[in-house]
Amino acid sequence: MNKTRILLLIIVSATFIFSCKSAKRTATLDAGINSAELINFHKNTEPRFTTLASRVNVNYDDGSRAQNITVSLRMKKDETIWVSASILGISIARLLITPDNVSYYETINRTYFDGDFSLLSSWLGVDVDFQMVQNILLGQAVFPLNSNQYEASVFGQNYRLTPKIQHTLFKHIFLVNPSNNRMASQQIMQPEEQRVLTVDYASYQNAGFFLFPKEIRLNAIEQTDQTRIILDFRTVDVNPELSFPFRIPDRYEQIRLD
């Protein structure tokens, strides 16, 4: 299965957001801030909700082809991420993510996948789970933050959180927006495999008394291959009544991962 398509389908799988003006950068950077303060500020900004429904415009470009896709997103926090993708109003794919399973089917080639998070873990080189995907889409740190394990500093117009001891197989850096204490950028690197995943949060919007990402820009590099994805959240409904219909059609061919 094409790795860039997997990245699109999983990461698109949810983000949502919203309807007010983007947060402005007016905060003054405190050069003396410590990691405990910064991590606490960031954790306190995590959106609290039960369900979300959103329409997301997705621009995808892998260097050889570019696509514009409209995605309908539904989420039950910590339980379910549901995505239905369409082009020109025609449904082309559906995705369902739970803490234990990733299921997907697409109508053009009549194929489906039904399994765990191993396909994402093998591509990114880290143990990817539901919480990590959800946090990327919410503008929260993808890894648990413990003040004893991170150092805080000022980097450009943002605060930077850097692990005191980087993992032997991958490295990561968090940049925190001082005006709202949300993620400005997250980067995960695998130097030996020449893999880099960068998630930039271009803007945030208010919805349900919390800030959610308005525009997320993803840049995935693997050796000489590069994929760019821009998620633009057009509409959002906070805490609606939702269903998550998903059924793999009969006579679809199962995707086998090597």
C-alpha atoms as a PDB file:
ATOM      1  CA  MET A   1       0.000   0.000   0.000  1.00  0.00           C
ATOM      2  CA  ASN A   2       1.360   3.461  -0.918  1.00  0.00           C
ATOM      3  CA  LYS A   3       2.982   4.913   2.219  1.00  0.00           C
ATOM      4  CA  THR A   4       2.042   8.497   1.420  1.00  0.00           C
ATOM      5  CA  ARG A   5      -1.601   7.492   1.016  1.00  0.00           C
ATOM      6  CA  ILE A   6      -1.458   5.763   4.417  1.00  0.00           C
ATOM      7  CA  LEU A   7      -0.056   8.905   5.990  1.00  0.00           C
ATOM      8  CA  LEU A   8      -2.823  11.001   4.444  1.00  0.00           C
ATOM      9  CA  LEU A   9      -5.629   8.699   5.482  1.00  0.00           C
ATOM     10  CA  ILE A  10      -4.487   8.232   9.066  1.00  0.00           C
ATOM     11  CA  ILE A  11      -3.390  11.719   9.882  1.00  0.00           C
ATOM     12  CA  VAL A  12      -6.357  13.236   8.068  1.00  0.00           C
ATOM     13  CA  SER A  13      -8.419  11.008  10.264  1.00  0.00           C
ATOM     14  CA  ALA A  14      -9.296  13.728  12.357  1.00  0.00           C
ATOM     15  CA  THR A  15      -8.747  17.280  13.385  1.00  0.00           C
ATOM     16  CA  PHE A  16     -11.475  19.615  13.610  1.00  0.00           C
ATOM     17  CA  ILE A  17     -11.963  23.124  14.027  1.00  0.00           C
ATOM     18  CA  PHE A  18     -13.693  25.985  13.696  1.00  0.00           C
ATOM     19  CA  SER A  19     -15.165  29.353  13.487  1.00  0.00           C
ATOM     20  CA  CYS A  20     -13.479  32.280  15.160  1.00  0.00           C
ATOM     21  CA  LYS A  21     -10.437  34.404  14.415  1.00  0.00           C
ATOM     22  CA  SER A  22      -6.972  32.930  14.634  1.00  0.00           C
ATOM     23  CA  ALA A  23      -5.068  33.577  17.840  1.00  0.00           C
ATOM     24  CA  LYS A  24      -2.593  36.452  17.524  1.00  0.00           C
ATOM     25  CA  ARG A  25       0.992  36.303  18.729  1.00  0.00           C
ATOM     26  CA  THR A  26       1.092  39.049  21.367  1.00  0.00           C
ATOM     27  CA  ALA A  27       2.750  37.253  24.290  1.00  0.00           C
ATOM     28  CA  THR A  28       6.196  38.268  25.534  1.00  0.00           C
ATOM     29  CA  LEU A  29       8.693  35.434  25.735  1.00  0.00           C
ATOM     30  CA  ASP A  30      10.046  34.689  29.205  1.00  0.00           C
ATOM     31  CA  ALA A  31      13.662  33.598  28.849  1.00  0.00           C
ATOM     32  CA  GLY A  32      13.579  32.246  32.401  1.00  0.00           C
ATOM     33  CA  ILE A  33      10.614  29.902  31.972  1.00  0.00           C
ATOM     34  CA  ASN A  34      11.280  26.362  33.183  1.00  0.00           C
ATOM     35  CA  SER A  35      10.041  23.085  31.738  1.00  0.00           C
ATOM     36  CA  ALA A  36       7.584  22.428  34.577  1.00  0.00           C
ATOM     37  CA  GLU A  37       5.825  25.759  34.017  1.00  0.00           C
ATOM     38  CA  LEU A  38       5.721  25.405  30.245  1.00  0.00           C
ATOM     39  CA  ILE A  39       4.481  21.812  30.312  1.00  0.00           C
ATOM     40  CA  ASN A  40       1.784  22.697  32.830  1.00  0.00           C
ATOM     41  CA  PHE A  41       0.622  25.646  30.710  1.00  0.00           C
ATOM     42  CA  HIS A  42       0.445  23.419  27.636  1.00  0.00           C
ATOM     43  CA  LYS A  43      -1.447  20.604  29.353  1.00  0.00           C
ATOM     44  CA  ASN A  44      -4.026  23.070  30.700  1.00  0.00           C
ATOM     45  CA  THR A  45      -4.927  24.152  27.159  1.00  0.00           C
ATOM     46  CA  GLU A  46      -6.026  20.686  26.039  1.00  0.00           C
ATOM     47  CA  PRO A  47      -9.568  20.928  24.618  1.00  0.00           C
ATOM     48  CA  ARG A  48     -12.261  19.268  26.699  1.00  0.00           C
ATOM     49  CA  PHE A  49     -15.136  17.847  24.686  1.00  0.00           C
ATOM     50  CA  THR A  50     -17.022  14.633  24.070  1.00  0.00           C
ATOM     51  CA  THR A  51     -17.707  14.663  20.321  1.00  0.00           C
ATOM     52  CA  LEU A  52     -16.768  16.743  17.309  1.00  0.00           C
ATOM     53  CA  ALA A  53     -17.930  16.900  13.708  1.00  0.00           C
ATOM     54  CA  SER A  54     -16.038  18.858  11.061  1.00  0.00           C
ATOM     55  CA  ARG A  55     -15.563  19.472   7.360  1.00  0.00           C
ATOM     56  CA  VAL A  56     -11.893  19.561   6.390  1.00  0.00           C
ATOM     57  CA  ASN A  57     -10.307  20.594   3.116  1.00  0.00           C
ATOM     58  CA  VAL A  58      -7.163  18.559   2.435  1.00  0.00           C
ATOM     59  CA  ASN A  59      -4.469  19.554  -0.064  1.00  0.00           C
ATOM     60  CA  TYR A  60      -2.085  16.705  -0.835  1.00  0.00           C
ATOM     61  CA  ASP A  61       1.111  16.826  -2.899  1.00  0.00           C
ATOM     62  CA  ASP A  62       3.734  14.072  -3.127  1.00  0.00           C
ATOM     63  CA  GLY A  63       5.739  15.626  -5.954  1.00  0.00           C
ATOM     64  CA  SER A  64       4.242  13.444  -8.654  1.00  0.00           C
ATOM     65  CA  ARG A  65       0.571  14.215  -8.092  1.00  0.00           C
ATOM     66  CA  ALA A  66      -1.535  16.763  -6.264  1.00  0.00           C
ATOM     67  CA  GLN A  67      -5.084  16.348  -5.016  1.00  0.00           C
ATOM     68  CA  ASN A  68      -7.722  18.370  -3.225  1.00  0.00           C
ATOM     69  CA  ILE A  69     -10.013  16.235  -1.036  1.00  0.00           C
ATOM     70  CA  THR A  70     -12.993  17.121   1.115  1.00  0.00           C
ATOM     71  CA  VAL A  71     -13.131  15.138   4.354  1.00  0.00           C
ATOM     72  CA  SER A  72     -16.008  14.708   6.759  1.00  0.00           C
ATOM     73  CA  LEU A  73     -14.595  14.085  10.212  1.00  0.00           C
ATOM     74  CA  ARG A  74     -16.292  12.756  13.321  1.00  0.00           C
ATOM     75  CA  MET A  75     -14.647  12.102  16.645  1.00  0.00           C
ATOM     76  CA  LYS A  76     -15.518  10.763  20.050  1.00  0.00           C
ATOM     77  CA  LYS A  77     -12.610  11.806  22.191  1.00  0.00           C
ATOM     78  CA  ASP A  78     -10.301   8.985  23.307  1.00  0.00           C
ATOM     79  CA  GLU A  79     -12.547   6.411  21.606  1.00  0.00           C
ATOM     80  CA  THR A  80     -13.215   6.883  17.896  1.00  0.00           C
ATOM     81  CA  ILE A  81     -11.979   8.811  14.875  1.00  0.00           C
ATOM     82  CA  TRP A  82     -14.142   8.440  11.749  1.00  0.00           C
ATOM     83  CA  VAL A  83     -13.334   9.896   8.338  1.00  0.00           C
ATOM     84  CA  SER A  84     -15.217   9.900   5.067  1.00  0.00           C
ATOM     85  CA  ALA A  85     -13.291  11.307   2.091  1.00  0.00           C
ATOM     86  CA  SER A  86     -14.823  12.514  -1.158  1.00  0.00           C
ATOM     87  CA  ILE A  87     -13.823  14.180  -4.417  1.00  0.00           C
ATOM     88  CA  LEU A  88     -16.378  16.354  -6.218  1.00  0.00           C
ATOM     89  CA  GLY A  89     -19.010  15.120  -3.791  1.00  0.00           C
ATOM     90  CA  ILE A  90     -18.359  11.440  -4.547  1.00  0.00           C
ATOM     91  CA  SER A  91     -17.323   9.237  -1.619  1.00  0.00           C
ATOM     92  CA  ILE A  92     -14.004   7.520  -2.305  1.00  0.00           C
ATOM     93  CA  ALA A  93     -12.841   6.205   1.069  1.00  0.00           C
ATOM     94  CA  ARG A  94     -13.828   5.676   4.674  1.00  0.00           C
ATOM     95  CA  LEU A  95     -11.597   5.246   7.709  1.00  0.00           C
ATOM     96  CA  LEU A  96     -12.299   4.170  11.282  1.00  0.00           C
ATOM     97  CA  ILE A  97      -9.689   4.400  14.041  1.00  0.00           C
ATOM     98  CA  THR A  98     -10.159   3.117  17.579  1.00  0.00           C
ATOM     99  CA  PRO A  99      -7.549   2.621  20.307  1.00  0.00           C
ATOM    100  CA  ASP A 100      -7.132  -1.006  19.156  1.00  0.00           C
ATOM    101  CA  ASN A 101      -7.788  -1.007  15.439  1.00  0.00           C
ATOM    102  CA  VAL A 102      -7.414   0.781  12.108  1.00  0.00           C
ATOM    103  CA  SER A 103      -9.961  -0.072   9.395  1.00  0.00           C
ATOM    104  CA  TYR A 104     -10.153   1.467   5.955  1.00  0.00           C
ATOM    105  CA  TYR A 105     -11.685   0.866   2.553  1.00  0.00           C
ATOM    106  CA  GLU A 106     -11.643   2.725  -0.752  1.00  0.00           C
ATOM    107  CA  THR A 107     -14.098   2.404  -3.595  1.00  0.00           C
ATOM    108  CA  ILE A 108     -11.944   3.073  -6.665  1.00  0.00           C
ATOM    109  CA  ASN A 109      -9.767  -0.043  -6.440  1.00  0.00           C
ATOM    110  CA  ARG A 110     -12.223  -1.874  -4.148  1.00  0.00           C
ATOM    111  CA  THR A 111      -9.629  -2.620  -1.475  1.00  0.00           C
ATOM    112  CA  TYR A 112      -9.643  -2.574   2.310  1.00  0.00           C
ATOM    113  CA  PHE A 113      -7.366  -2.800   5.337  1.00  0.00           C
ATOM    114  CA  ASP A 114      -8.303  -4.050   8.789  1.00  0.00           C
ATOM    115  CA  GLY A 115      -5.599  -4.300  11.441  1.00  0.00           C
ATOM    116  CA  ASP A 116      -3.604  -2.607  14.176  1.00  0.00           C
ATOM    117  CA  PHE A 117      -1.276   0.415  14.154  1.00  0.00           C
ATOM    118  CA  SER A 118       1.705  -1.539  12.866  1.00  0.00           C
ATOM    119  CA  LEU A 119       1.541   0.086   9.427  1.00  0.00           C
ATOM    120  CA  LEU A 120       2.016   3.547  10.965  1.00  0.00           C
ATOM    121  CA  SER A 121       4.642   2.355  13.421  1.00  0.00           C
ATOM    122  CA  SER A 122       6.714   0.791  10.655  1.00  0.00           C
ATOM    123  CA  TRP A 123       6.546   3.959   8.537  1.00  0.00           C
ATOM    124  CA  LEU A 124       7.335   6.443  11.310  1.00  0.00           C
ATOM    125  CA  GLY A 125       9.734   4.226  13.215  1.00  0.00           C
ATOM    126  CA  VAL A 126       7.962   4.872  16.518  1.00  0.00           C
ATOM    127  CA  ASP A 127       5.173   3.138  18.366  1.00  0.00           C
ATOM    128  CA  VAL A 128       2.154   5.004  17.057  1.00  0.00           C
ATOM    129  CA  ASP A 129      -1.121   4.614  18.890  1.00  0.00           C
ATOM    130  CA  PHE A 130      -4.539   6.224  18.983  1.00  0.00           C
ATOM    131  CA  GLN A 131      -3.491   8.847  21.525  1.00  0.00           C
ATOM    132  CA  MET A 132      -0.588   9.994  19.386  1.00  0.00           C
ATOM    133  CA  VAL A 133      -2.783  10.442  16.311  1.00  0.00           C
ATOM    134  CA  GLN A 134      -5.415  12.270  18.336  1.00  0.00           C
ATOM    135  CA  ASN A 135      -2.830  14.596  19.885  1.00  0.00           C
ATOM    136  CA  ILE A 136      -1.385  15.540  16.514  1.00  0.00           C
ATOM    137  CA  LEU A 137      -4.817  16.571  15.376  1.00  0.00           C
ATOM    138  CA  LEU A 138      -5.616  18.490  18.559  1.00  0.00           C
ATOM    139  CA  GLY A 139      -2.363  20.438  18.712  1.00  0.00           C
ATOM    140  CA  GLN A 140      -1.106  18.574  21.776  1.00  0.00           C
ATOM    141  CA  ALA A 141       2.343  17.046  22.281  1.00  0.00           C
ATOM    142  CA  VAL A 142       2.536  13.600  20.698  1.00  0.00           C
ATOM    143  CA  PHE A 143       4.597  12.155  23.534  1.00  0.00           C
ATOM    144  CA  PRO A 144       3.912  12.334  27.295  1.00  0.00           C
ATOM    145  CA  LEU A 145       5.539  15.393  28.848  1.00  0.00           C
ATOM    146  CA  ASN A 146       7.424  15.035  32.112  1.00  0.00           C
ATOM    147  CA  SER A 147       9.262  18.122  33.362  1.00  0.00           C
ATOM    148  CA  ASN A 148      12.128  15.970  34.670  1.00  0.00           C
ATOM    149  CA  GLN A 149      12.803  14.724  31.136  1.00  0.00           C
ATOM    150  CA  TYR A 150      12.685  17.995  29.182  1.00  0.00           C
ATOM    151  CA  GLU A 151      14.555  21.283  29.013  1.00  0.00           C
ATOM    152  CA  ALA A 152      12.802  24.550  28.144  1.00  0.00           C
ATOM    153  CA  SER A 153      14.346  27.391  26.159  1.00  0.00           C
ATOM    154  CA  VAL A 154      13.451  30.236  23.802  1.00  0.00           C
ATOM    155  CA  PHE A 155      13.754  29.487  20.100  1.00  0.00           C
ATOM    156  CA  GLY A 156      12.837  32.307  17.719  1.00  0.00           C
ATOM    157  CA  GLN A 157       9.277  33.411  18.488  1.00  0.00           C
ATOM    158  CA  ASN A 158       8.427  30.216  20.375  1.00  0.00           C
ATOM    159  CA  TYR A 159       9.346  28.211  23.438  1.00  0.00           C
ATOM    160  CA  ARG A 160      11.209  24.981  22.787  1.00  0.00           C
ATOM    161  CA  LEU A 161      10.950  21.704  24.684  1.00  0.00           C
ATOM    162  CA  THR A 162      13.843  19.330  24.072  1.00  0.00           C
ATOM    163  CA  PRO A 163      14.400  15.931  25.728  1.00  0.00           C
ATOM    164  CA  LYS A 164      17.380  15.906  28.060  1.00  0.00           C
ATOM    165  CA  ILE A 165      18.246  12.492  26.610  1.00  0.00           C
ATOM    166  CA  GLN A 166      17.142  11.806  23.048  1.00  0.00           C
ATOM    167  CA  HIS A 167      16.009   8.316  22.049  1.00  0.00           C
ATOM    168  CA  THR A 168      18.684   6.248  20.322  1.00  0.00           C
ATOM    169  CA  LEU A 169      16.479   5.536  17.279  1.00  0.00           C
ATOM    170  CA  PHE A 170      14.641   8.814  16.859  1.00  0.00           C
ATOM    171  CA  LYS A 171      14.801  12.420  17.969  1.00  0.00           C
ATOM    172  CA  HIS A 172      11.996  14.887  18.586  1.00  0.00           C
ATOM    173  CA  ILE A 173      11.492  18.572  19.349  1.00  0.00           C
ATOM    174  CA  PHE A 174       8.407  20.536  20.419  1.00  0.00           C
ATOM    175  CA  LEU A 175       7.856  24.254  19.802  1.00  0.00           C
ATOM    176  CA  VAL A 176       5.150  25.923  21.923  1.00  0.00           C
ATOM    177  CA  ASN A 177       3.331  29.101  20.903  1.00  0.00           C
ATOM    178  CA  PRO A 178       3.741  31.659  23.755  1.00  0.00           C
ATOM    179  CA  SER A 179       0.472  33.436  22.934  1.00  0.00           C
ATOM    180  CA  ASN A 180      -1.735  30.406  23.612  1.00  0.00           C
ATOM    181  CA  ASN A 181       0.566  27.630  24.970  1.00  0.00           C
ATOM    182  CA  ARG A 182      -0.481  25.323  22.133  1.00  0.00           C
ATOM    183  CA  MET A 183       1.889  23.471  19.845  1.00  0.00           C
ATOM    184  CA  ALA A 184       3.492  25.617  17.150  1.00  0.00           C
ATOM    185  CA  SER A 185       5.431  22.706  15.654  1.00  0.00           C
ATOM    186  CA  GLN A 186       6.302  19.078  16.349  1.00  0.00           C
ATOM    187  CA  GLN A 187       9.168  17.258  14.671  1.00  0.00           C
ATOM    188  CA  ILE A 188      10.114  13.584  14.806  1.00  0.00           C
ATOM    189  CA  MET A 189      13.353  12.513  13.122  1.00  0.00           C
ATOM    190  CA  GLN A 190      14.957   9.172  12.286  1.00  0.00           C
ATOM    191  CA  PRO A 191      18.445  10.175  11.099  1.00  0.00           C
ATOM    192  CA  GLU A 192      19.639   6.682  10.157  1.00  0.00           C
ATOM    193  CA  GLU A 193      16.602   6.059   7.932  1.00  0.00           C
ATOM    194  CA  GLN A 194      16.555   9.699   6.717  1.00  0.00           C
ATOM    195  CA  ARG A 195      12.979  10.147   7.856  1.00  0.00           C
ATOM    196  CA  VAL A 196      11.495  13.373   9.168  1.00  0.00           C
ATOM    197  CA  LEU A 197       7.896  14.161  10.059  1.00  0.00           C
ATOM    198  CA  THR A 198       7.143  17.819  10.769  1.00  0.00           C
ATOM    199  CA  VAL A 199       3.716  19.021  11.915  1.00  0.00           C
ATOM    200  CA  ASP A 200       3.292  22.804  11.850  1.00  0.00           C
ATOM    201  CA  TYR A 201       0.246  24.552  13.278  1.00  0.00           C
ATOM    202  CA  ALA A 202      -0.231  27.642  11.105  1.00  0.00           C
ATOM    203  CA  SER A 203      -3.203  28.993  13.071  1.00  0.00           C
ATOM    204  CA  TYR A 204      -5.753  28.215  15.775  1.00  0.00           C
ATOM    205  CA  GLN A 205      -9.436  29.055  16.222  1.00  0.00           C
ATOM    206  CA  ASN A 206     -11.890  29.093  19.093  1.00  0.00           C
ATOM    207  CA  ALA A 207     -14.621  26.473  19.417  1.00  0.00           C
ATOM    208  CA  GLY A 208     -16.432  25.347  22.537  1.00  0.00           C
ATOM    209  CA  PHE A 209     -14.357  27.678  24.768  1.00  0.00           C
ATOM    210  CA  PHE A 210     -11.094  26.053  23.645  1.00  0.00           C
ATOM    211  CA  LEU A 211      -8.508  26.589  20.928  1.00  0.00           C
ATOM    212  CA  PHE A 212      -8.302  23.988  18.180  1.00  0.00           C
ATOM    213  CA  PRO A 213      -6.012  23.942  15.152  1.00  0.00           C
ATOM    214  CA  LYS A 214      -7.381  25.905  12.190  1.00  0.00           C
ATOM    215  CA  GLU A 215      -4.663  24.962   9.710  1.00  0.00           C
ATOM    216  CA  ILE A 216      -2.175  22.122  10.059  1.00  0.00           C
ATOM    217  CA  ARG A 217       0.708  21.610   7.654  1.00  0.00           C
ATOM    218  CA  LEU A 218       2.406  18.224   7.513  1.00  0.00           C
ATOM    219  CA  ASN A 219       5.692  17.559   5.779  1.00  0.00           C
ATOM    220  CA  ALA A 220       6.877  13.940   5.585  1.00  0.00           C
ATOM    221  CA  ILE A 221      10.331  13.170   4.191  1.00  0.00           C
ATOM    222  CA  GLU A 222      11.755   9.706   3.602  1.00  0.00           C
ATOM    223  CA  GLN A 223      15.172   9.823   1.903  1.00  0.00           C
ATOM    224  CA  THR A 224      14.415  11.619  -1.405  1.00  0.00           C
ATOM    225  CA  ASP A 225      10.601  11.334  -1.200  1.00  0.00           C
ATOM    226  CA  GLN A 226       8.585  14.213   0.195  1.00  0.00           C
ATOM    227  CA  THR A 227       4.864  14.561   0.881  1.00  0.00           C
ATOM    228  CA  ARG A 228       3.095  17.773   1.865  1.00  0.00           C
ATOM    229  CA  ILE A 229      -0.402  17.842   3.337  1.00  0.00           C
ATOM    230  CA  ILE A 230      -2.389  20.918   4.362  1.00  0.00           C
ATOM    231  CA  LEU A 231      -5.513  20.492   6.492  1.00  0.00           C
ATOM    232  CA  ASP A 232      -7.918  23.435   6.507  1.00  0.00           C
ATOM    233  CA  PHE A 233     -10.827  23.035   8.940  1.00  0.00           C
ATOM    234  CA  ARG A 234     -13.855  24.781   7.476  1.00  0.00           C
ATOM    235  CA  THR A 235     -16.721  23.957   9.845  1.00  0.00           C
ATOM    236  CA  VAL A 236     -17.105  22.369  13.260  1.00  0.00           C
ATOM    237  CA  ASP A 237     -19.869  21.269  15.561  1.00  0.00           C
ATOM    238  CA  VAL A 238     -18.876  20.668  19.183  1.00  0.00           C
ATOM    239  CA  ASN A 239     -20.592  17.889  21.163  1.00  0.00           C
ATOM    240  CA  PRO A 240     -23.218  16.867  18.582  1.00  0.00           C
ATOM    241  CA  GLU A 241     -25.030  13.543  18.590  1.00  0.00           C
ATOM    242  CA  LEU A 242     -22.989  11.326  16.272  1.00  0.00           C
ATOM    243  CA  SER A 243     -22.918   7.893  14.720  1.00  0.00           C
ATOM    244  CA  PHE A 244     -19.895   6.212  13.148  1.00  0.00           C
ATOM    245  CA  PRO A 245     -21.196   4.003  10.304  1.00  0.00           C
ATOM    246  CA  PHE A 246     -18.559   1.696   8.929  1.00  0.00           C
ATOM    247  CA  ARG A 247     -18.920  -1.568   7.027  1.00  0.00           C
ATOM    248  CA  ILE A 248     -16.385  -3.024   4.613  1.00  0.00           C
ATOM    249  CA  PRO A 249     -18.268  -3.864   1.392  1.00  0.00           C
ATOM    250  CA  ASP A 250     -18.443  -7.436   0.155  1.00  0.00           C
ATOM    251  CA  ARG A 251     -15.942  -8.693  -2.421  1.00  0.00           C
ATOM    252  CA  TYR A 252     -13.322  -6.054  -1.675  1.00  0.00           C
ATOM    253  CA  GLU A 253      -9.691  -7.203  -1.769  1.00  0.00           C
ATOM    254  CA  GLN A 254      -7.751  -7.092   1.475  1.00  0.00           C
ATOM    255  CA  ILE A 255      -4.528  -5.091   1.499  1.00  0.00           C
ATOM    256  CA  ARG A 256      -1.576  -7.179   2.651  1.00  0.00           C
ATOM    257  CA  LEU A 257       1.302  -5.400   4.351  1.00  0.00           C
ATOM    258  CA  ASP A 258       4.827  -6.750   3.945  1.00  0.00           C
END
